[in-house]
Amino acid sequence: MPLPPPPPVLEVYYAPNCAPCQLELPAVAEFAQLPGSRVTMIIVSEEEKAREELRAAHPALEAGAVARITDRPGDVLREAGSAYGLLPFARVISREGTICAKWSGRLSFPKAYDMVATCHLMSISNPPR
């Protein structure tokens, strides 16, 4: 019997100087603890400080973090799909590798759950051929 496909990935863009980003960390940490969830934190500035804050929120957040540090973090965010290149920003990547949900603003646990669930349902409804 083949293994089930991996669930969508919740990508959360993060910077230590973003107060709403810091406020959403408990919700993201709670979501990351769900069985089968996949969360990637994208650090856009101050990597060392960001990793420290992520580790304090939950070790899994820091362990799965990826740094995308540039002189222009807004460009990283725009490339990811943020219309204005501003934090806070999150998106969900489907198992097929496409962006299937985006969110600008403070992320809550219910919002993260809904975004990932919607992408999962889209993948089930449109299986790869």
N, C-alpha and C. Protein backbone atom coordinates (compact mmCIF):
# COMPACT_ATOMS: atom_id res chain seq x y z
N MET A 1 0.84 -1.18 0.00
CA MET A 1 0.00 0.00 0.00
C MET A 1 0.89 1.24 0.00
N PRO A 2 0.64 2.17 -0.91
CA PRO A 2 1.48 3.38 -0.97
C PRO A 2 1.26 4.28 0.25
N LEU A 3 2.30 4.98 0.59
CA LEU A 3 2.20 5.95 1.69
C LEU A 3 1.33 7.12 1.27
N PRO A 4 0.60 7.72 2.22
CA PRO A 4 -0.19 8.90 1.87
C PRO A 4 0.74 10.06 1.54
N PRO A 5 0.31 10.98 0.69
CA PRO A 5 1.15 12.13 0.36
C PRO A 5 1.34 13.02 1.59
N PRO A 6 2.43 13.77 1.61
CA PRO A 6 2.66 14.67 2.75
C PRO A 6 1.61 15.77 2.79
N PRO A 7 1.31 16.26 3.99
CA PRO A 7 0.35 17.36 4.10
C PRO A 7 0.96 18.66 3.59
N PRO A 8 0.13 19.66 3.36
CA PRO A 8 0.65 20.97 2.96
C PRO A 8 1.58 21.55 4.03
N VAL A 9 2.41 22.49 3.62
CA VAL A 9 3.36 23.14 4.53
C VAL A 9 2.90 24.56 4.82
N LEU A 10 2.78 24.89 6.10
CA LEU A 10 2.50 26.26 6.52
C LEU A 10 3.83 26.98 6.62
N GLU A 11 4.02 28.02 5.81
CA GLU A 11 5.23 28.85 5.88
C GLU A 11 4.85 30.15 6.57
N VAL A 12 5.57 30.47 7.63
CA VAL A 12 5.33 31.70 8.38
C VAL A 12 6.60 32.54 8.28
N TYR A 13 6.46 33.75 7.79
CA TYR A 13 7.59 34.67 7.64
C TYR A 13 7.75 35.43 8.95
N TYR A 14 9.02 35.56 9.40
CA TYR A 14 9.26 36.06 10.75
C TYR A 14 10.46 36.99 10.82
N ALA A 15 10.31 38.02 11.65
CA ALA A 15 11.42 38.92 12.00
C ALA A 15 11.23 39.33 13.46
N PRO A 16 12.30 39.38 14.23
CA PRO A 16 12.20 39.73 15.64
C PRO A 16 11.69 41.15 15.88
N ASN A 17 11.88 42.04 14.92
CA ASN A 17 11.44 43.43 15.11
C ASN A 17 9.98 43.62 14.71
N CYS A 18 9.25 42.55 14.45
CA CYS A 18 7.84 42.59 14.07
C CYS A 18 7.00 42.16 15.27
N ALA A 19 6.39 43.12 15.97
CA ALA A 19 5.60 42.80 17.17
C ALA A 19 4.46 41.83 16.89
N PRO A 20 3.67 42.03 15.81
CA PRO A 20 2.61 41.05 15.54
C PRO A 20 3.16 39.65 15.27
N CYS A 21 4.35 39.57 14.67
CA CYS A 21 4.98 38.26 14.43
C CYS A 21 5.27 37.57 15.76
N GLN A 22 5.77 38.33 16.72
CA GLN A 22 6.07 37.77 18.03
C GLN A 22 4.78 37.32 18.73
N LEU A 23 3.73 38.10 18.56
CA LEU A 23 2.45 37.76 19.21
C LEU A 23 1.82 36.50 18.63
N GLU A 24 2.10 36.18 17.38
CA GLU A 24 1.50 34.99 16.78
C GLU A 24 2.29 33.71 17.07
N LEU A 25 3.49 33.83 17.64
CA LEU A 25 4.31 32.63 17.89
C LEU A 25 3.61 31.56 18.73
N PRO A 26 2.88 31.89 19.79
CA PRO A 26 2.19 30.82 20.53
C PRO A 26 1.19 30.05 19.66
N ALA A 27 0.47 30.73 18.80
CA ALA A 27 -0.49 30.06 17.92
C ALA A 27 0.23 29.17 16.91
N VAL A 28 1.33 29.66 16.36
CA VAL A 28 2.11 28.87 15.40
C VAL A 28 2.72 27.66 16.10
N ALA A 29 3.22 27.85 17.31
CA ALA A 29 3.79 26.73 18.08
C ALA A 29 2.71 25.69 18.37
N GLU A 30 1.52 26.14 18.72
CA GLU A 30 0.42 25.20 18.98
C GLU A 30 0.08 24.41 17.71
N PHE A 31 0.03 25.10 16.58
CA PHE A 31 -0.26 24.42 15.32
C PHE A 31 0.84 23.41 14.99
N ALA A 32 2.09 23.78 15.22
CA ALA A 32 3.22 22.90 14.89
C ALA A 32 3.19 21.60 15.69
N GLN A 33 2.50 21.60 16.81
CA GLN A 33 2.43 20.41 17.64
C GLN A 33 1.33 19.45 17.22
N LEU A 34 0.49 19.84 16.27
CA LEU A 34 -0.55 18.93 15.77
C LEU A 34 0.11 17.75 15.06
N PRO A 35 -0.38 16.55 15.28
CA PRO A 35 0.18 15.40 14.57
C PRO A 35 0.09 15.59 13.05
N GLY A 36 1.19 15.38 12.38
CA GLY A 36 1.22 15.48 10.92
C GLY A 36 1.37 16.88 10.37
N SER A 37 1.42 17.89 11.23
CA SER A 37 1.55 19.26 10.72
C SER A 37 2.98 19.50 10.24
N ARG A 38 3.10 20.39 9.29
CA ARG A 38 4.41 20.77 8.76
C ARG A 38 4.47 22.29 8.74
N VAL A 39 5.42 22.85 9.50
CA VAL A 39 5.58 24.30 9.61
C VAL A 39 7.02 24.66 9.29
N THR A 40 7.19 25.65 8.45
CA THR A 40 8.52 26.21 8.17
C THR A 40 8.47 27.69 8.51
N MET A 41 9.38 28.11 9.38
CA MET A 41 9.52 29.53 9.71
C MET A 41 10.56 30.11 8.77
N ILE A 42 10.22 31.18 8.08
CA ILE A 42 11.14 31.85 7.16
C ILE A 42 11.62 33.12 7.86
N ILE A 43 12.87 33.14 8.24
CA ILE A 43 13.45 34.29 8.95
C ILE A 43 13.93 35.30 7.92
N VAL A 44 13.45 36.54 8.03
CA VAL A 44 13.81 37.56 7.04
C VAL A 44 14.77 38.63 7.59
N SER A 45 15.06 38.61 8.89
CA SER A 45 16.05 39.54 9.44
C SER A 45 16.53 39.02 10.80
N GLU A 46 17.71 39.50 11.20
CA GLU A 46 18.27 39.21 12.52
C GLU A 46 18.19 37.72 12.86
N GLU A 47 18.88 36.90 12.08
CA GLU A 47 18.75 35.45 12.22
C GLU A 47 19.02 34.93 13.63
N GLU A 48 20.09 35.35 14.24
CA GLU A 48 20.43 34.83 15.56
C GLU A 48 19.33 35.12 16.58
N LYS A 49 18.88 36.37 16.61
CA LYS A 49 17.82 36.76 17.54
C LYS A 49 16.51 36.03 17.20
N ALA A 50 16.21 35.90 15.92
CA ALA A 50 14.99 35.21 15.50
C ALA A 50 15.02 33.75 15.96
N ARG A 51 16.14 33.09 15.75
CA ARG A 51 16.25 31.68 16.15
C ARG A 51 16.08 31.52 17.66
N GLU A 52 16.61 32.45 18.42
CA GLU A 52 16.47 32.43 19.87
C GLU A 52 14.99 32.54 20.27
N GLU A 53 14.27 33.47 19.64
CA GLU A 53 12.86 33.67 19.95
C GLU A 53 12.01 32.47 19.50
N LEU A 54 12.34 31.90 18.36
CA LEU A 54 11.61 30.73 17.88
C LEU A 54 11.82 29.55 18.81
N ARG A 55 13.07 29.35 19.23
CA ARG A 55 13.40 28.24 20.15
C ARG A 55 12.65 28.42 21.47
N ALA A 56 12.55 29.65 21.95
CA ALA A 56 11.84 29.91 23.21
C ALA A 56 10.35 29.62 23.07
N ALA A 57 9.78 29.88 21.89
CA ALA A 57 8.36 29.61 21.67
C ALA A 57 8.10 28.12 21.60
N HIS A 58 8.93 27.41 20.84
CA HIS A 58 8.87 25.94 20.75
C HIS A 58 10.07 25.48 19.94
N PRO A 59 10.83 24.53 20.45
CA PRO A 59 12.04 24.08 19.73
C PRO A 59 11.79 23.67 18.28
N ALA A 60 10.62 23.12 17.99
CA ALA A 60 10.33 22.70 16.61
C ALA A 60 10.30 23.89 15.65
N LEU A 61 9.91 25.06 16.13
CA LEU A 61 9.87 26.24 15.26
C LEU A 61 11.27 26.63 14.82
N GLU A 62 12.21 26.59 15.75
CA GLU A 62 13.59 26.94 15.40
C GLU A 62 14.22 25.85 14.55
N ALA A 63 13.91 24.60 14.86
CA ALA A 63 14.51 23.48 14.14
C ALA A 63 14.13 23.50 12.66
N GLY A 64 12.93 23.94 12.37
CA GLY A 64 12.47 23.97 10.97
C GLY A 64 12.60 25.33 10.31
N ALA A 65 13.36 26.22 10.92
CA ALA A 65 13.49 27.58 10.38
C ALA A 65 14.50 27.64 9.24
N VAL A 66 14.22 28.52 8.30
CA VAL A 66 15.09 28.76 7.15
C VAL A 66 15.33 30.27 7.07
N ALA A 67 16.58 30.66 6.94
CA ALA A 67 16.90 32.09 6.84
C ALA A 67 16.88 32.54 5.38
N ARG A 68 16.22 33.66 5.13
CA ARG A 68 16.22 34.32 3.82
C ARG A 68 16.58 35.78 4.05
N ILE A 69 17.76 36.02 4.57
CA ILE A 69 18.21 37.36 4.97
C ILE A 69 18.75 38.11 3.76
N THR A 70 18.22 39.30 3.53
CA THR A 70 18.72 40.19 2.50
C THR A 70 18.67 41.62 3.04
N ASP A 71 19.20 42.54 2.27
CA ASP A 71 19.11 43.95 2.66
C ASP A 71 17.68 44.46 2.49
N ARG A 72 16.87 43.72 1.73
CA ARG A 72 15.50 44.16 1.44
C ARG A 72 14.51 43.04 1.75
N PRO A 73 14.14 42.86 3.03
CA PRO A 73 13.21 41.79 3.40
C PRO A 73 11.86 41.90 2.66
N GLY A 74 11.46 43.11 2.33
CA GLY A 74 10.21 43.29 1.60
C GLY A 74 10.21 42.57 0.26
N ASP A 75 11.37 42.50 -0.37
CA ASP A 75 11.47 41.79 -1.65
C ASP A 75 11.24 40.29 -1.46
N VAL A 76 11.77 39.74 -0.37
CA VAL A 76 11.56 38.32 -0.06
C VAL A 76 10.06 38.06 0.12
N LEU A 77 9.41 38.96 0.84
CA LEU A 77 7.98 38.81 1.10
C LEU A 77 7.16 38.95 -0.18
N ARG A 78 7.51 39.91 -1.03
CA ARG A 78 6.79 40.06 -2.30
C ARG A 78 6.98 38.82 -3.18
N GLU A 79 8.20 38.29 -3.23
CA GLU A 79 8.46 37.07 -4.00
C GLU A 79 7.62 35.91 -3.49
N ALA A 80 7.35 35.90 -2.19
CA ALA A 80 6.55 34.83 -1.58
C ALA A 80 5.05 35.02 -1.82
N GLY A 81 4.66 36.22 -2.27
CA GLY A 81 3.25 36.44 -2.56
C GLY A 81 2.58 37.51 -1.73
N SER A 82 3.33 38.19 -0.86
CA SER A 82 2.77 39.28 -0.06
C SER A 82 2.61 40.50 -0.97
N ALA A 83 1.40 40.97 -1.11
CA ALA A 83 1.11 42.08 -2.03
C ALA A 83 1.93 43.33 -1.70
N TYR A 84 2.14 43.61 -0.42
CA TYR A 84 2.82 44.85 -0.03
C TYR A 84 4.23 44.62 0.52
N GLY A 85 4.64 43.37 0.64
CA GLY A 85 5.97 43.08 1.16
C GLY A 85 6.11 43.40 2.63
N LEU A 86 5.02 43.21 3.39
CA LEU A 86 5.02 43.54 4.81
C LEU A 86 4.73 42.32 5.68
N LEU A 87 5.28 42.32 6.87
CA LEU A 87 4.96 41.31 7.88
C LEU A 87 3.78 41.80 8.70
N PRO A 88 3.08 40.89 9.34
CA PRO A 88 3.20 39.45 9.28
C PRO A 88 2.58 38.88 8.01
N PHE A 89 3.15 37.75 7.58
CA PHE A 89 2.70 37.10 6.35
C PHE A 89 2.90 35.59 6.50
N ALA A 90 1.94 34.84 6.00
CA ALA A 90 2.03 33.38 5.99
C ALA A 90 1.41 32.87 4.70
N ARG A 91 1.83 31.69 4.29
CA ARG A 91 1.24 31.06 3.12
C ARG A 91 1.31 29.55 3.32
N VAL A 92 0.53 28.85 2.53
CA VAL A 92 0.53 27.40 2.58
C VAL A 92 0.92 26.88 1.20
N ILE A 93 1.86 25.94 1.20
CA ILE A 93 2.32 25.31 -0.03
C ILE A 93 1.71 23.91 -0.09
N SER A 94 1.02 23.63 -1.18
CA SER A 94 0.37 22.32 -1.34
C SER A 94 1.41 21.23 -1.52
N ARG A 95 0.96 20.00 -1.43
CA ARG A 95 1.88 18.87 -1.64
C ARG A 95 2.42 18.85 -3.06
N GLU A 96 1.73 19.54 -3.99
CA GLU A 96 2.20 19.64 -5.36
C GLU A 96 3.20 20.78 -5.55
N GLY A 97 3.39 21.58 -4.50
CA GLY A 97 4.37 22.66 -4.56
C GLY A 97 3.81 24.00 -4.99
N THR A 98 2.49 24.15 -5.01
CA THR A 98 1.90 25.43 -5.39
C THR A 98 1.39 26.17 -4.16
N ILE A 99 1.35 27.48 -4.26
CA ILE A 99 0.79 28.29 -3.18
C ILE A 99 -0.73 28.14 -3.25
N CYS A 100 -1.33 27.67 -2.16
CA CYS A 100 -2.77 27.48 -2.19
C CYS A 100 -3.50 28.36 -1.18
N ALA A 101 -2.78 29.09 -0.33
CA ALA A 101 -3.41 30.03 0.60
C ALA A 101 -2.36 31.03 1.04
N LYS A 102 -2.81 32.27 1.26
CA LYS A 102 -1.93 33.34 1.77
C LYS A 102 -2.69 34.12 2.83
N TRP A 103 -1.94 34.67 3.77
CA TRP A 103 -2.56 35.47 4.83
C TRP A 103 -1.62 36.58 5.24
N SER A 104 -2.12 37.80 5.21
CA SER A 104 -1.38 38.96 5.73
C SER A 104 -2.08 39.40 6.99
N GLY A 105 -1.34 39.52 8.06
CA GLY A 105 -1.92 39.88 9.35
C GLY A 105 -1.55 38.83 10.38
N ARG A 106 -1.86 39.13 11.62
CA ARG A 106 -1.51 38.23 12.71
C ARG A 106 -2.23 36.89 12.52
N LEU A 107 -1.47 35.83 12.54
CA LEU A 107 -1.98 34.48 12.31
C LEU A 107 -2.46 33.88 13.63
N SER A 108 -3.67 33.37 13.63
CA SER A 108 -4.21 32.66 14.79
C SER A 108 -4.19 31.16 14.51
N PHE A 109 -4.36 30.37 15.55
CA PHE A 109 -4.42 28.93 15.37
C PHE A 109 -5.57 28.54 14.43
N PRO A 110 -6.81 29.06 14.65
CA PRO A 110 -7.89 28.68 13.74
C PRO A 110 -7.62 29.07 12.28
N LYS A 111 -7.01 30.23 12.07
CA LYS A 111 -6.71 30.65 10.70
C LYS A 111 -5.68 29.72 10.07
N ALA A 112 -4.62 29.39 10.79
CA ALA A 112 -3.60 28.47 10.26
C ALA A 112 -4.24 27.13 9.94
N TYR A 113 -5.06 26.63 10.84
CA TYR A 113 -5.72 25.35 10.63
C TYR A 113 -6.61 25.39 9.39
N ASP A 114 -7.39 26.44 9.25
CA ASP A 114 -8.29 26.58 8.09
C ASP A 114 -7.51 26.66 6.78
N MET A 115 -6.42 27.41 6.77
CA MET A 115 -5.62 27.54 5.56
C MET A 115 -5.08 26.19 5.12
N VAL A 116 -4.50 25.45 6.06
CA VAL A 116 -3.92 24.15 5.73
C VAL A 116 -5.01 23.15 5.35
N ALA A 117 -6.12 23.17 6.07
CA ALA A 117 -7.21 22.25 5.76
C ALA A 117 -7.77 22.51 4.36
N THR A 118 -7.92 23.78 4.01
CA THR A 118 -8.42 24.13 2.68
C THR A 118 -7.48 23.60 1.60
N CYS A 119 -6.19 23.79 1.80
CA CYS A 119 -5.22 23.30 0.81
C CYS A 119 -5.23 21.78 0.73
N HIS A 120 -5.38 21.13 1.87
CA HIS A 120 -5.44 19.68 1.87
C HIS A 120 -6.67 19.20 1.09
N LEU A 121 -7.81 19.83 1.33
CA LEU A 121 -9.02 19.46 0.60
C LEU A 121 -8.89 19.71 -0.89
N MET A 122 -8.23 20.81 -1.25
CA MET A 122 -8.00 21.10 -2.68
C MET A 122 -7.16 20.00 -3.30
N SER A 123 -6.15 19.51 -2.58
CA SER A 123 -5.28 18.45 -3.10
C SER A 123 -6.04 17.15 -3.27
N ILE A 124 -6.93 16.86 -2.33
CA ILE A 124 -7.72 15.64 -2.42
C ILE A 124 -8.71 15.73 -3.58
N SER A 125 -9.29 16.92 -3.77
CA SER A 125 -10.26 17.12 -4.84
C SER A 125 -9.64 17.10 -6.22
N ASN A 126 -8.36 17.48 -6.29
CA ASN A 126 -7.65 17.52 -7.58
C ASN A 126 -6.39 16.67 -7.50
N PRO A 127 -6.53 15.35 -7.43
CA PRO A 127 -5.34 14.51 -7.31
C PRO A 127 -4.44 14.63 -8.53
N PRO A 128 -3.12 14.47 -8.32
CA PRO A 128 -2.20 14.52 -9.46
C PRO A 128 -2.49 13.38 -10.43
N ARG A 129 -2.29 13.63 -11.69
CA ARG A 129 -2.56 12.62 -12.73
C ARG A 129 -1.29 12.06 -13.27
